[in-house]
Protein backbone atom coordinates (compact mmCIF):
# COMPACT_ATOMS: atom_id res chain seq x y z
CA MET A 1 -18.48 9.01 -23.28
CA ILE A 2 -20.54 7.17 -20.72
CA ASP A 3 -17.64 5.95 -18.67
CA ARG A 4 -16.12 9.39 -18.54
CA LEU A 5 -19.48 10.81 -17.60
CA LEU A 6 -19.89 8.58 -14.62
CA ARG A 7 -16.38 8.98 -13.43
CA ARG A 8 -16.87 12.73 -12.82
CA PRO A 9 -16.91 13.32 -9.04
CA ALA A 10 -19.70 15.83 -9.34
CA LEU A 11 -21.88 12.97 -10.85
CA ALA A 12 -21.64 10.50 -7.97
CA LEU A 13 -24.41 8.02 -8.54
CA VAL A 14 -25.10 7.60 -4.83
CA PRO A 15 -24.13 10.28 -2.25
CA PHE A 16 -21.30 8.99 -0.14
CA LEU A 17 -21.90 10.48 3.29
CA LEU A 18 -18.66 11.03 5.12
CA VAL A 19 -19.27 12.62 8.51
CA ALA A 20 -16.85 14.77 11.11
CA CYS A 21 -14.19 18.05 15.83
CA SER A 22 -10.13 18.39 16.55
CA ASP A 23 -7.53 18.99 19.23
CA ALA A 24 -3.84 18.74 18.28
CA GLY A 25 -2.78 17.46 21.71
CA ARG A 26 -5.30 14.93 22.78
CA VAL A 27 -7.82 12.31 21.60
CA VAL A 28 -11.16 11.91 23.41
CA GLU A 29 -13.06 8.78 22.61
CA GLU A 30 -16.84 8.74 22.73
CA THR A 31 -18.94 6.24 24.55
CA ILE A 32 -21.34 4.72 22.03
CA PRO A 33 -24.63 3.98 23.75
CA PRO A 34 -26.27 0.58 23.39
CA PRO A 35 -28.87 0.31 20.65
CA PRO A 36 -32.51 0.65 21.42
CA ALA A 37 -34.74 -2.39 21.66
CA ALA A 38 -35.80 -3.81 18.37
CA GLY A 39 -39.33 -3.61 17.14
CA GLY A 40 -40.01 0.09 16.81
CA ASN A 41 -42.63 0.69 14.12
CA TRP A 42 -43.61 4.27 13.40
CA THR A 43 -46.00 5.84 10.96
CA LEU A 44 -46.57 9.44 9.88
CA ASP A 45 -49.16 11.25 7.80
CA THR A 46 -49.43 14.97 7.03
CA THR A 47 -51.42 15.57 10.22
CA ALA A 48 -48.90 13.76 12.46
CA LEU A 49 -46.00 15.55 10.70
CA ALA A 50 -47.51 19.00 11.23
CA ALA A 51 -47.96 18.13 14.94
CA LEU A 52 -44.29 17.53 15.52
CA PRO A 53 -42.32 20.25 17.41
CA GLN A 54 -40.94 22.86 15.03
CA LEU A 55 -37.16 23.10 15.88
CA THR A 56 -35.34 26.45 15.66
CA LEU A 57 -31.92 26.95 14.15
CA ALA A 58 -29.44 29.35 15.75
CA ASP A 59 -25.97 30.33 14.70
CA GLY A 60 -23.17 28.53 16.58
CA ARG A 61 -19.39 28.64 16.38
CA VAL A 62 -17.76 29.65 13.03
CA VAL A 63 -15.16 27.09 12.15
CA CYS A 64 -13.64 28.90 9.26
CA VAL A 65 -14.38 31.44 6.44
CA ALA A 66 -13.33 30.70 2.85
CA ASP A 67 -12.11 34.18 1.99
CA GLY A 68 -9.20 33.11 -0.11
CA VAL A 69 -6.73 33.55 2.74
CA ALA A 70 -8.01 31.43 5.59
CA PRO A 71 -7.49 27.65 5.38
CA CYS A 72 -11.07 26.66 4.66
CA PRO A 73 -12.64 24.52 1.87
CA THR A 74 -14.21 26.70 -0.76
CA ASN A 75 -16.52 24.79 -3.02
CA GLN A 76 -17.25 21.14 -2.16
CA PRO A 77 -16.33 20.61 1.47
CA LEU A 78 -16.37 17.16 3.01
CA ALA A 79 -16.23 16.38 6.72
CA ASN A 80 -15.71 13.43 8.99
CA ARG A 81 -15.76 13.03 12.67
CA LEU A 82 -12.51 11.70 14.06
CA ASP A 83 -13.27 11.60 17.73
CA ALA A 84 -15.28 13.53 20.30
CA GLU A 85 -13.22 16.76 19.76
CA ARG A 86 -11.92 16.61 16.25
CA ILE A 87 -13.30 16.83 12.77
CA ALA A 88 -11.46 16.51 9.44
CA LEU A 89 -12.38 19.03 6.67
CA TRP A 90 -11.18 18.73 3.06
CA GLU A 91 -12.29 18.80 -0.57
CA PRO A 92 -10.64 17.08 -3.54
CA GLY A 93 -7.56 18.85 -4.67
CA ARG A 94 -6.98 20.86 -1.45
CA LEU A 95 -5.21 20.38 1.83
CA VAL A 96 -6.66 18.13 4.46
CA GLN A 97 -7.11 19.84 7.88
CA VAL A 98 -8.14 18.78 11.27
CA TRP A 99 -10.16 21.20 13.38
CA SER A 100 -11.02 21.40 17.06
CA ALA A 101 -11.82 24.10 19.56
CA GLU A 102 -8.40 25.53 18.73
CA GLU A 103 -8.53 28.60 16.45
CA LYS A 104 -5.96 27.13 14.07
CA PRO A 105 -6.27 23.74 12.30
CA VAL A 106 -3.76 21.06 12.08
CA ASP A 107 -2.48 20.63 8.47
CA ILE A 108 -2.29 17.01 7.52
CA GLY A 109 0.67 16.35 5.30
CA THR A 110 1.08 18.24 2.03
CA ARG A 111 -0.32 18.15 -1.50
CA GLY A 112 1.77 17.20 -4.49
CA GLU A 113 3.71 14.27 -5.93
CA GLY A 114 6.08 12.11 -3.92
CA GLU A 115 6.23 10.22 -0.68
CA GLY A 116 3.82 11.37 1.92
CA LYS A 117 1.96 13.71 -0.41
CA TYR A 118 -1.59 13.41 -1.72
CA GLN A 119 -3.39 14.71 -4.78
CA THR A 120 -7.22 13.89 -4.77
CA VAL A 121 -8.49 12.98 -1.32
CA LEU A 122 -11.46 10.67 -1.34
CA ALA A 123 -11.89 10.12 2.37
CA VAL A 124 -10.33 10.87 5.75
CA GLY A 125 -10.69 8.77 8.90
CA PRO A 126 -9.14 8.23 12.36
CA GLY A 127 -6.35 5.76 13.09
CA GLU A 128 -4.77 4.56 16.36
CA ASN A 129 -3.44 7.05 18.97
CA GLY A 130 -4.90 10.07 17.19
CA ALA A 131 -3.55 9.31 13.76
CA VAL A 132 -5.27 10.49 10.60
CA ARG A 133 -5.75 8.22 7.59
CA VAL A 134 -6.26 9.64 4.03
CA VAL A 135 -7.60 7.66 1.10
CA ASP A 136 -5.96 9.36 -1.96
CA LEU A 137 -6.47 8.81 -5.70
CA ALA A 138 -3.21 9.40 -7.38
CA PRO A 139 -2.09 8.71 -11.05
CA THR A 140 -0.29 5.65 -9.72
CA GLY A 141 -3.53 4.28 -8.03
CA VAL A 142 -5.51 4.48 -4.77
CA ARG A 143 -3.48 4.72 -1.58
CA LEU A 144 -3.99 4.85 2.21
CA LEU A 145 -1.64 7.41 3.81
CA THR A 146 -1.28 7.63 7.46
CA TYR A 147 -0.26 10.70 9.46
CA ASP A 148 0.24 11.23 13.16
CA ARG A 149 -2.06 13.64 15.01
CA ARG A 150 0.16 16.54 14.28
CA GLY A 151 0.03 15.93 10.61
CA LYS A 152 3.44 14.31 10.02
CA PHE A 153 3.65 11.52 7.46
CA VAL A 154 3.96 7.95 8.88
CA ASN A 155 3.46 5.40 6.04
CA GLU A 156 1.66 4.61 2.80
CA VAL A 157 -0.15 1.39 1.69
CA PRO A 158 -1.43 0.73 -1.77
CA LEU A 159 -5.11 -0.12 -2.14
CA PRO A 160 -6.86 -2.15 -4.74
CA PRO A 161 -8.09 -0.21 -7.84
CA LEU A 162 -11.52 1.24 -7.78
CA ARG A 163 -13.98 0.03 -10.41
CA ILE A 164 -16.57 2.37 -11.95
CA GLY A 165 -19.13 3.25 -9.31
CA GLU A 166 -17.00 2.22 -6.40
CA ALA A 167 -15.87 4.40 -3.49
CA ARG A 168 -13.79 3.90 -0.31
CA GLY A 169 -14.30 5.91 2.79
CA PHE A 170 -15.08 6.30 6.46
CA VAL A 171 -18.19 7.17 8.45
CA GLY A 172 -16.68 8.26 11.68
CA LYS A 173 -14.25 5.52 12.56
CA ILE A 174 -15.85 2.83 10.40
CA PRO A 175 -14.14 2.05 7.04
CA LEU A 176 -16.32 0.94 4.13
CA LEU A 177 -16.49 0.14 0.47
CA GLN A 178 -19.56 0.93 -1.64
CA GLY A 179 -20.03 0.03 -5.18
CA MET A 180 -22.24 -0.92 -8.15
CA MET A 181 -22.34 -4.38 -9.69
CA GLY A 182 -24.18 -5.88 -12.67
CA GLY A 183 -26.47 -8.70 -11.73
CA VAL A 184 -25.25 -12.00 -13.14
CA ASP A 185 -28.62 -13.80 -12.88
CA THR A 186 -31.21 -10.96 -12.88
CA GLY A 187 -29.34 -8.45 -15.14
CA THR A 188 -30.24 -5.69 -12.72
CA THR A 189 -27.50 -3.54 -11.30
CA VAL A 190 -27.23 -3.69 -7.49
CA PHE A 191 -25.77 -1.14 -5.11
CA ARG A 192 -23.71 -2.55 -2.22
CA VAL A 193 -22.29 -1.25 0.98
CA ASN A 194 -19.62 -3.33 2.77
CA VAL A 195 -18.44 -2.49 6.28
CA LEU A 196 -14.70 -3.28 6.38
CA ASN A 197 -12.68 -4.59 9.42
CA GLU A 198 -9.68 -2.59 8.16
CA ALA A 199 -9.37 0.27 5.67
CA THR A 200 -7.14 -1.93 3.52
CA ASP A 201 -9.65 -4.68 3.15
CA SER A 202 -11.30 -5.45 -0.23
CA SER A 203 -14.32 -7.12 1.26
CA GLY A 204 -16.16 -7.21 4.53
CA ARG A 205 -19.67 -7.57 6.07
CA LEU A 206 -22.43 -6.81 3.55
CA ALA A 207 -24.56 -4.16 5.22
CA LEU A 208 -26.78 -3.12 2.32
CA GLU A 209 -27.73 -4.49 -1.08
CA VAL A 210 -30.28 -2.59 -3.23
CA PRO A 211 -31.28 -2.90 -6.94
CA ILE A 212 -30.62 0.12 -9.19
CA PRO A 213 -32.76 -0.64 -12.18
CA TRP A 214 -31.93 2.66 -14.03
CA LEU A 215 -28.20 1.91 -14.28
CA ALA A 216 -27.26 -0.51 -17.06
CA LEU A 217 -24.03 -2.47 -16.45
CA GLN A 218 -22.24 -5.32 -18.20
CA GLY A 219 -19.47 -6.34 -15.89
CA ASP A 220 -17.61 -3.10 -15.21
CA GLN A 221 -18.87 -1.45 -18.38
CA ILE A 222 -21.69 1.10 -18.31
CA ILE A 223 -23.67 0.70 -21.39
CA LEU A 224 -26.28 3.43 -21.12
CA ALA A 225 -26.04 6.96 -19.75
CA PRO A 226 -27.89 7.53 -16.43
CA PRO A 227 -31.16 9.55 -16.38
CA LEU A 228 -31.09 13.28 -15.67
CA PHE A 229 -32.94 12.59 -12.51
CA ALA A 230 -32.86 9.24 -10.72
CA THR A 231 -33.85 7.97 -7.42
CA ALA A 232 -31.15 6.34 -5.46
CA PRO A 233 -30.97 4.77 -1.95
CA ALA A 234 -29.64 6.95 0.92
CA TYR A 235 -27.82 5.62 3.92
CA THR A 236 -25.61 6.39 6.83
CA LEU A 237 -23.70 4.23 9.35
CA LEU A 238 -23.96 4.26 13.08
CA GLN A 239 -20.79 3.85 15.10
CA ASP A 240 -21.96 0.47 16.43
CA GLY A 241 -21.92 -0.80 12.83
CA GLU A 242 -25.63 -0.76 12.18
CA ILE A 243 -26.88 1.00 9.09
CA VAL A 244 -29.86 3.42 8.63
CA TRP A 245 -31.17 3.59 5.08
CA SER A 246 -34.00 4.49 2.76
CA PRO A 247 -34.84 3.21 -0.74
CA GLY A 248 -35.58 6.90 -1.59
CA ASP A 249 -38.64 6.15 -3.86
CA ARG A 250 -40.94 6.24 -0.88
CA PHE A 251 -40.77 7.77 2.62
CA GLU A 252 -39.46 4.75 4.37
CA VAL A 253 -36.52 4.72 6.77
CA SER A 254 -35.21 1.80 8.83
CA ARG A 255 -32.32 0.91 11.03
CA ARG A 256 -30.94 -2.46 10.17
CA MET A 257 -29.17 -4.67 12.61
CA ILE A 258 -25.91 -6.50 11.94
CA ASP A 259 -27.83 -9.74 11.49
CA GLY A 260 -29.94 -8.11 8.70
CA GLY A 261 -33.16 -7.62 10.68
CA ASP A 262 -34.83 -4.23 11.17
CA ARG A 263 -34.31 -2.61 14.54
CA TRP A 264 -36.97 -0.03 13.74
CA MET A 265 -38.98 1.18 10.81
CA LEU A 266 -40.52 4.54 9.98
CA ARG A 267 -43.11 4.96 7.21
CA ALA A 268 -44.80 8.16 6.15
CA ASP A 269 -47.71 8.62 3.75
CA LEU A 270 -46.46 11.75 2.07
CA PRO A 271 -46.75 12.70 -1.64
CA ARG A 272 -43.57 12.95 -3.62
CA GLN A 273 -42.81 16.31 -5.29
CA PRO A 274 -42.92 16.52 -9.13
CA ILE A 275 -39.87 17.70 -11.05
CA SER A 276 -40.72 20.80 -12.99
CA GLN A 277 -39.79 21.59 -16.60
CA ALA A 278 -37.62 24.41 -15.38
CA GLU A 279 -35.67 21.92 -13.28
CA PHE A 280 -35.26 19.71 -16.32
CA ALA A 281 -33.99 22.56 -18.37
CA ALA A 282 -31.54 23.63 -15.58
CA LYS A 283 -30.19 20.06 -15.33
CA ARG A 284 -29.71 19.90 -19.02
CA GLY A 285 -27.79 23.13 -18.92
CA THR A 286 -25.58 21.96 -16.10
CA MET A 287 -24.79 18.72 -17.85
CA ARG A 288 -24.02 20.46 -21.09
CA GLN A 289 -21.67 22.97 -19.36
CA MET A 290 -19.96 20.21 -17.39
CA MET A 291 -19.35 17.81 -20.36
CA GLY A 292 -18.94 20.23 -23.23
CA ASN A 293 -18.51 18.42 -26.64
CA GLU A 294 -18.41 15.01 -24.92
CA LEU A 295 -22.23 15.13 -24.49
CA LEU A 296 -24.46 15.30 -27.54
CA GLU A 297 -28.01 16.61 -27.54
CA SER A 298 -29.19 13.05 -28.37
CA ASP A 299 -27.48 11.88 -25.30
CA LEU A 300 -29.39 14.54 -23.19
CA ASP A 301 -32.63 13.56 -24.91
CA SER A 302 -32.07 9.97 -23.93
CA MET A 303 -31.20 10.89 -20.40
CA ALA A 304 -34.29 13.05 -20.10
CA ALA A 305 -36.66 10.41 -21.53
CA ARG A 306 -35.44 7.88 -18.93
CA SER A 307 -35.58 10.37 -16.04
CA ASP A 308 -37.76 10.17 -13.00
CA THR A 309 -40.58 12.81 -13.03
CA TYR A 310 -40.72 13.01 -9.20
CA HIS A 311 -37.99 13.96 -6.70
CA PRO A 312 -36.96 11.23 -4.17
CA ALA A 313 -39.07 11.14 -1.00
CA VAL A 314 -35.81 10.81 1.01
CA ALA A 315 -32.72 12.54 -0.43
CA SER A 316 -30.09 12.01 2.36
CA LEU A 317 -29.59 10.81 5.84
CA TYR A 318 -27.34 11.97 8.71
CA ALA A 319 -26.70 10.25 12.02
CA THR A 320 -25.05 11.44 15.30
CA PRO A 321 -22.73 9.12 17.19
CA THR A 322 -25.40 8.58 19.73
CA GLY A 323 -28.03 7.38 17.17
CA THR A 324 -30.20 10.47 16.47
CA VAL A 325 -31.04 10.58 12.74
CA TYR A 326 -31.83 13.41 10.46
CA VAL A 327 -33.87 12.70 7.37
CA ALA A 328 -33.64 15.23 4.56
CA GLY A 329 -36.34 15.60 2.01
CA PRO A 330 -35.80 16.41 -1.67
CA MET A 331 -33.93 19.48 -3.07
CA THR A 332 -36.73 21.04 -5.07
CA GLU A 333 -37.35 24.53 -6.48
CA ALA A 334 -38.44 25.58 -2.92
CA ALA A 335 -36.13 27.84 -1.00
CA ASP A 336 -35.85 25.41 1.96
CA VAL A 337 -35.29 21.72 2.51
CA SER A 338 -37.52 19.92 5.04
CA ILE A 339 -35.63 17.81 7.58
CA LEU A 340 -37.11 15.42 10.13
CA ARG A 341 -35.37 14.46 13.32
CA LEU A 342 -35.69 10.90 14.67
CA ALA A 343 -34.78 9.64 18.19
CA PRO A 344 -32.34 6.66 18.36
CA ASP A 345 -35.45 4.31 18.43
CA GLY A 346 -36.72 5.76 15.22
CA GLN A 347 -39.61 7.87 16.67
CA PRO A 348 -39.84 11.29 15.01
CA ASN A 349 -39.48 14.11 17.60
CA GLY A 350 -38.93 17.25 15.64
CA ARG A 351 -38.77 18.98 12.34
CA PHE A 352 -37.28 22.03 10.73
CA VAL A 353 -36.28 23.58 7.42
CA LEU A 354 -32.85 24.39 6.26
CA PRO A 355 -32.25 27.08 3.62
CA LYS A 356 -31.27 25.56 0.29
CA THR A 357 -28.32 27.86 0.25
CA PHE A 358 -26.77 25.82 3.10
CA ARG A 359 -24.86 22.53 2.54
CA LEU A 360 -25.37 20.13 5.48
CA LEU A 361 -22.04 18.33 6.23
CA MET A 362 -22.68 16.33 9.42
CA ALA A 363 -24.70 16.13 12.61
CA ALA A 364 -23.45 15.97 16.28
CA GLY A 365 -25.63 16.17 19.37
CA ASP A 366 -28.02 19.04 18.93
CA SER A 367 -25.74 20.73 16.31
CA LEU A 368 -25.35 20.69 12.58
CA LEU A 369 -22.13 21.45 10.63
CA VAL A 370 -23.02 23.38 7.47
CA GLN A 371 -21.31 25.40 4.77
CA GLN A 372 -23.11 28.69 4.17
CA PRO A 373 -23.99 30.12 1.81
CA PHE A 374 -23.93 27.30 -0.63
CA ASP A 375 -22.75 29.76 -3.21
CA GLY A 376 -21.08 33.07 -2.59
CA GLU A 377 -17.68 34.76 -2.35
CA GLN A 378 -17.19 34.23 1.39
CA ARG A 379 -18.47 30.78 2.40
CA GLN A 380 -18.40 29.79 5.99
CA ILE A 381 -18.14 26.35 7.64
CA ARG A 382 -20.04 26.84 10.88
CA TRP A 383 -22.07 24.97 13.56
CA LEU A 384 -25.83 25.59 13.87
CA ARG A 385 -27.67 24.76 17.03
CA LEU A 386 -31.17 23.14 17.06
CA THR A 387 -33.47 24.21 19.91
CA ALA A 388 -37.01 22.97 20.79
CA PRO A 389 -39.86 25.47 21.37
């Protein structure tokens, strides 16, 4: 039961942030600015946080409306930035599409079985000369499919099998491999992020390694169901290859250089929010509905007993191509999620709240790509614009 539990896409142990605008006829590369000087060290308390400018959200361009007719992801959209003018939108089990300022998207290949078709898309990223690369999980294994910029199939390359807890993907143009591994010496499971030179690589530069004490592994085998609520590290990659990450159990965010040193660090003395009994009950109900007879009440009792009692201090991170970082707080019972904006050097320069009914997909410039509402019959994918007072 445990292996099946952790293989469910909705139960990803660590959120895999895949970020993504499109034009069928051209590709516009962005200039990535040089990184800020190393040594930034910032601190926040409740007073300093309250003094930050309160940013305002305004509706921007609607990308698509999921009305059952328009080509738009309906339930769990994912997005990745392909270049300065194109984004890829998809969700597992549906067609991959590339969107730009054009009203109609470019369909990438087709779904189904056979050459050039895909079934369960894990990730989408850019290739050379405007090509689009798709990581697909098919019954025959994991594959990398390449299509030209108009969506025509080019070739297919098999990829190594994914172990439990592993995922391949792209953050912008950067391919990566993340995964869990049981500690040989310590016995503690570690979470690793490797930045790859090529999407077909099996290893690369180790960008992040963090212990995950609540996940029990023996080799590739999971021997204990995960807690109902567990704090996991959050991260995102910048397009120069540096990583921004947080351990999650405290409000601490840092930008790590390629050599492993911190370019900047932000710490905040802010209390973590407790998880209510109503949240525990709702999570048990969700798990019960998802797993059915595969999950016993004794399993749920064990998962609840081992659970965190506080929400993570940092739930997720988003970065723009130019290095601005958005830090999202926990998804609690409150109606809104608090988000902090950091300049490329790590200094906080704004804050805002996003309704919990919105799903934040990616950030670009002063804009956010969201799905709204999070739940409803006609969900939209649209841009929101942030403005300062």
